C-alpha atoms as a PDB file:
ATOM      1  CA  UNK A   1       0.000   0.000   0.000  1.00  0.00           C
ATOM      2  CA  UNK A   2       2.879   2.366   0.777  1.00  0.00           C
ATOM      3  CA  UNK A   3       4.371   1.814  -2.674  1.00  0.00           C
ATOM      4  CA  UNK A   4       1.004   2.555  -4.293  1.00  0.00           C
ATOM      5  CA  UNK A   5       0.866   6.013  -2.694  1.00  0.00           C
ATOM      6  CA  UNK A   6       4.580   6.668  -3.156  1.00  0.00           C
ATOM      7  CA  UNK A   7       4.303   5.889  -6.865  1.00  0.00           C
ATOM      8  CA  UNK A   8       1.341   8.223  -7.275  1.00  0.00           C
ATOM      9  CA  UNK A   9       3.188  10.987  -5.436  1.00  0.00           C
ATOM     10  CA  UNK A  10       6.340  10.571  -7.489  1.00  0.00           C
ATOM     11  CA  UNK A  11       4.435  10.497 -10.780  1.00  0.00           C
ATOM     12  CA  UNK A  12       2.592  13.705  -9.994  1.00  0.00           C
ATOM     13  CA  UNK A  13       5.829  15.346  -8.887  1.00  0.00           C
ATOM     14  CA  UNK A  14       7.449  14.639 -12.269  1.00  0.00           C
ATOM     15  CA  UNK A  15       4.479  16.151 -14.090  1.00  0.00           C
ATOM     16  CA  UNK A  16       4.141  19.145 -11.763  1.00  0.00           C
ATOM     17  CA  UNK A  17       7.776  20.185 -12.003  1.00  0.00           C
ATOM     18  CA  UNK A  18       7.470  20.738 -15.748  1.00  0.00           C
ATOM     19  CA  UNK A  19       4.538  23.132 -15.474  1.00  0.00           C
ATOM     20  CA  UNK A  20       6.630  25.981 -14.107  1.00  0.00           C
ATOM     21  CA  UNK A  21       9.100  25.962 -17.001  1.00  0.00           C
ATOM     22  CA  UNK A  22       8.637  27.455 -20.489  1.00  0.00           C
ATOM     23  CA  UNK A  23       7.553  25.010 -23.210  1.00  0.00           C
ATOM     24  CA  UNK A  24      11.008  24.848 -24.780  1.00  0.00           C
ATOM     25  CA  UNK A  25      12.604  23.577 -21.559  1.00  0.00           C
ATOM     26  CA  UNK A  26       9.850  21.341 -20.132  1.00  0.00           C
ATOM     27  CA  UNK A  27      11.269  18.075 -21.460  1.00  0.00           C
ATOM     28  CA  UNK A  28      14.683  18.942 -20.047  1.00  0.00           C
ATOM     29  CA  UNK A  29      13.149  19.846 -16.676  1.00  0.00           C
ATOM     30  CA  UNK A  30      11.282  16.532 -16.486  1.00  0.00           C
ATOM     31  CA  UNK A  31      14.342  14.503 -17.463  1.00  0.00           C
ATOM     32  CA  UNK A  32      16.622  16.344 -15.029  1.00  0.00           C
ATOM     33  CA  UNK A  33      14.145  15.990 -12.143  1.00  0.00           C
ATOM     34  CA  UNK A  34      13.638  12.302 -12.982  1.00  0.00           C
ATOM     35  CA  UNK A  35      17.399  11.627 -13.182  1.00  0.00           C
ATOM     36  CA  UNK A  36      18.173  13.315  -9.859  1.00  0.00           C
ATOM     37  CA  UNK A  37      15.219  11.680  -8.090  1.00  0.00           C
ATOM     38  CA  UNK A  38      16.059   8.251  -9.471  1.00  0.00           C
ATOM     39  CA  UNK A  39      19.720   8.614  -8.523  1.00  0.00           C
ATOM     40  CA  UNK A  40      18.943   9.666  -4.958  1.00  0.00           C
ATOM     41  CA  UNK A  41      16.259   7.027  -4.459  1.00  0.00           C
ATOM     42  CA  UNK A  42      18.113   4.311  -6.355  1.00  0.00           C
ATOM     43  CA  UNK A  43      21.282   4.702  -4.313  1.00  0.00           C
ATOM     44  CA  UNK A  44      20.110   5.576  -0.824  1.00  0.00           C
ATOM     45  CA  UNK A  45      16.874   3.567  -0.743  1.00  0.00           C
ATOM     46  CA  UNK A  46      18.305   0.061  -1.200  1.00  0.00           C
ATOM     47  CA  UNK A  47      21.280   0.862   1.034  1.00  0.00           C
ATOM     48  CA  UNK A  48      19.080   2.187   3.844  1.00  0.00           C
ATOM     49  CA  UNK A  49      16.566  -0.656   3.697  1.00  0.00           C
ATOM     50  CA  UNK A  50      19.381  -3.217   3.425  1.00  0.00           C
ATOM     51  CA  UNK A  51      20.861  -1.870   6.649  1.00  0.00           C
ATOM     52  CA  UNK A  52      17.446  -1.893   8.328  1.00  0.00           C
ATOM     53  CA  UNK A  53      16.777  -5.495   7.243  1.00  0.00           C
ATOM     54  CA  UNK A  54      20.241  -6.559   8.493  1.00  0.00           C
ATOM     55  CA  UNK A  55      19.202  -5.606  12.022  1.00  0.00           C
ATOM     56  CA  UNK A  56      16.666  -8.448  11.962  1.00  0.00           C
ATOM     57  CA  UNK A  57      14.078  -6.305  13.721  1.00  0.00           C
ATOM     58  CA  UNK A  58      10.765  -5.593  12.065  1.00  0.00           C
ATOM     59  CA  UNK A  59      10.439  -2.372  14.010  1.00  0.00           C
ATOM     60  CA  UNK A  60      13.527  -0.976  12.252  1.00  0.00           C
ATOM     61  CA  UNK A  61      12.057  -1.745   8.826  1.00  0.00           C
ATOM     62  CA  UNK A  62       8.781  -0.156   9.905  1.00  0.00           C
ATOM     63  CA  UNK A  63      10.701   2.979  10.905  1.00  0.00           C
ATOM     64  CA  UNK A  64      12.169   3.069   7.394  1.00  0.00           C
ATOM     65  CA  UNK A  65       8.692   2.966   5.880  1.00  0.00           C
ATOM     66  CA  UNK A  66       7.529   5.668   8.290  1.00  0.00           C
ATOM     67  CA  UNK A  67      10.499   7.820   7.268  1.00  0.00           C
ATOM     68  CA  UNK A  68       9.509   7.384   3.610  1.00  0.00           C
ATOM     69  CA  UNK A  69       5.916   8.316   4.443  1.00  0.00           C
ATOM     70  CA  UNK A  70       7.058  11.386   6.362  1.00  0.00           C
ATOM     71  CA  UNK A  71       9.140  12.514   3.387  1.00  0.00           C
ATOM     72  CA  UNK A  72       6.101  12.149   1.110  1.00  0.00           C
ATOM     73  CA  UNK A  73       4.036  14.250   3.528  1.00  0.00           C
ATOM     74  CA  UNK A  74       6.756  16.931   3.609  1.00  0.00           C
ATOM     75  CA  UNK A  75       6.764  16.924  -0.205  1.00  0.00           C
ATOM     76  CA  UNK A  76       2.989  17.361  -0.259  1.00  0.00           C
ATOM     77  CA  UNK A  77       3.152  20.253   2.181  1.00  0.00           C
ATOM     78  CA  UNK A  78       5.912  21.907   0.143  1.00  0.00           C
ATOM     79  CA  UNK A  79       3.785  21.602  -2.988  1.00  0.00           C
ATOM     80  CA  UNK A  80       0.745  23.025  -1.195  1.00  0.00           C
ATOM     81  CA  UNK A  81       2.771  26.036  -0.066  1.00  0.00           C
ATOM     82  CA  UNK A  82       5.084  26.615  -3.035  1.00  0.00           C
ATOM     83  CA  UNK A  83       3.189  24.937  -5.895  1.00  0.00           C
ATOM     84  CA  UNK A  84       1.669  26.679  -8.878  1.00  0.00           C
ATOM     85  CA  UNK A  85      -2.107  26.343  -9.290  1.00  0.00           C
ATOM     86  CA  UNK A  86      -2.407  24.863 -12.757  1.00  0.00           C
ATOM     87  CA  UNK A  87      -5.862  23.247 -12.695  1.00  0.00           C
ATOM     88  CA  UNK A  88      -7.934  24.337 -15.687  1.00  0.00           C
ATOM     89  CA  UNK A  89      -5.206  26.618 -17.064  1.00  0.00           C
ATOM     90  CA  UNK A  90      -3.156  26.162 -20.207  1.00  0.00           C
ATOM     91  CA  UNK A  91       0.532  25.617 -19.636  1.00  0.00           C
ATOM     92  CA  UNK A  92       1.321  28.659 -21.762  1.00  0.00           C
ATOM     93  CA  UNK A  93      -0.550  30.816 -19.221  1.00  0.00           C
ATOM     94  CA  UNK A  94       1.500  29.396 -16.351  1.00  0.00           C
ATOM     95  CA  UNK A  95       4.931  29.757 -17.960  1.00  0.00           C
ATOM     96  CA  UNK A  96       5.112  31.855 -21.102  1.00  0.00           C
ATOM     97  CA  UNK A  97       7.113  30.192 -23.921  1.00  0.00           C
ATOM     98  CA  UNK A  98      10.587  31.626 -24.500  1.00  0.00           C
ATOM     99  CA  UNK A  99       9.712  32.379 -28.122  1.00  0.00           C
ATOM    100  CA  UNK A 100       6.767  34.538 -26.990  1.00  0.00           C
ATOM    101  CA  UNK A 101       8.955  36.381 -24.486  1.00  0.00           C
ATOM    102  CA  UNK A 102      11.549  37.082 -27.176  1.00  0.00           C
ATOM    103  CA  UNK A 103       8.884  38.338 -29.601  1.00  0.00           C
ATOM    104  CA  UNK A 104       7.445  40.708 -26.991  1.00  0.00           C
ATOM    105  CA  UNK A 105      10.845  42.178 -26.187  1.00  0.00           C
ATOM    106  CA  UNK A 106      11.732  42.585 -29.865  1.00  0.00           C
ATOM    107  CA  UNK A 107      14.677  40.208 -29.620  1.00  0.00           C
ATOM    108  CA  UNK A 108      15.258  36.673 -30.652  1.00  0.00           C
ATOM    109  CA  UNK A 109      15.265  34.998 -34.039  1.00  0.00           C
ATOM    110  CA  UNK A 110      13.162  36.460 -36.827  1.00  0.00           C
ATOM    111  CA  UNK A 111      10.924  34.194 -38.900  1.00  0.00           C
ATOM    112  CA  UNK A 112      12.179  33.399 -42.422  1.00  0.00           C
ATOM    113  CA  UNK A 113      11.283  36.198 -44.834  1.00  0.00           C
ATOM    114  CA  UNK A 114      10.529  38.748 -42.103  1.00  0.00           C
ATOM    115  CA  UNK A 115      11.738  42.289 -42.659  1.00  0.00           C
ATOM    116  CA  UNK A 116      14.104  43.648 -40.054  1.00  0.00           C
END
C-alpha cells in the first residue's frame, strides 16, 4: 500500500515540475528531475533498507517505511505552499514560452522572410 501512494506521489511530482518551465525547456526539466530523483532514491533507498533489514528487527524496517511516508508528507506540504495552481489553465498561461517572451521584447530569431 505504501508503494502505491509513493508511486502516485512521485508520478505527480514529475508532471508538476514541468509546469513551471517554459515550453522549450519542459522536457529537459522533467528529465533532469527524474534523473536526480532516481539517482537519490536508487542509491540511498536500497542501502538504507538493506541496513534496516540486516538488524533483523521488524520495528527498524517499519521505521524506514515511516520515514519514507514522512518525506512524502513533507513533499505534499511543500507543494501546497510553493506549488503553482495549474488546474484548468493552459501551460502557456502558467509559464510563457521563451519564443513569446523574445517576440514581446523585440529580440530573438526572426521568422524566415521577415523584414528587419
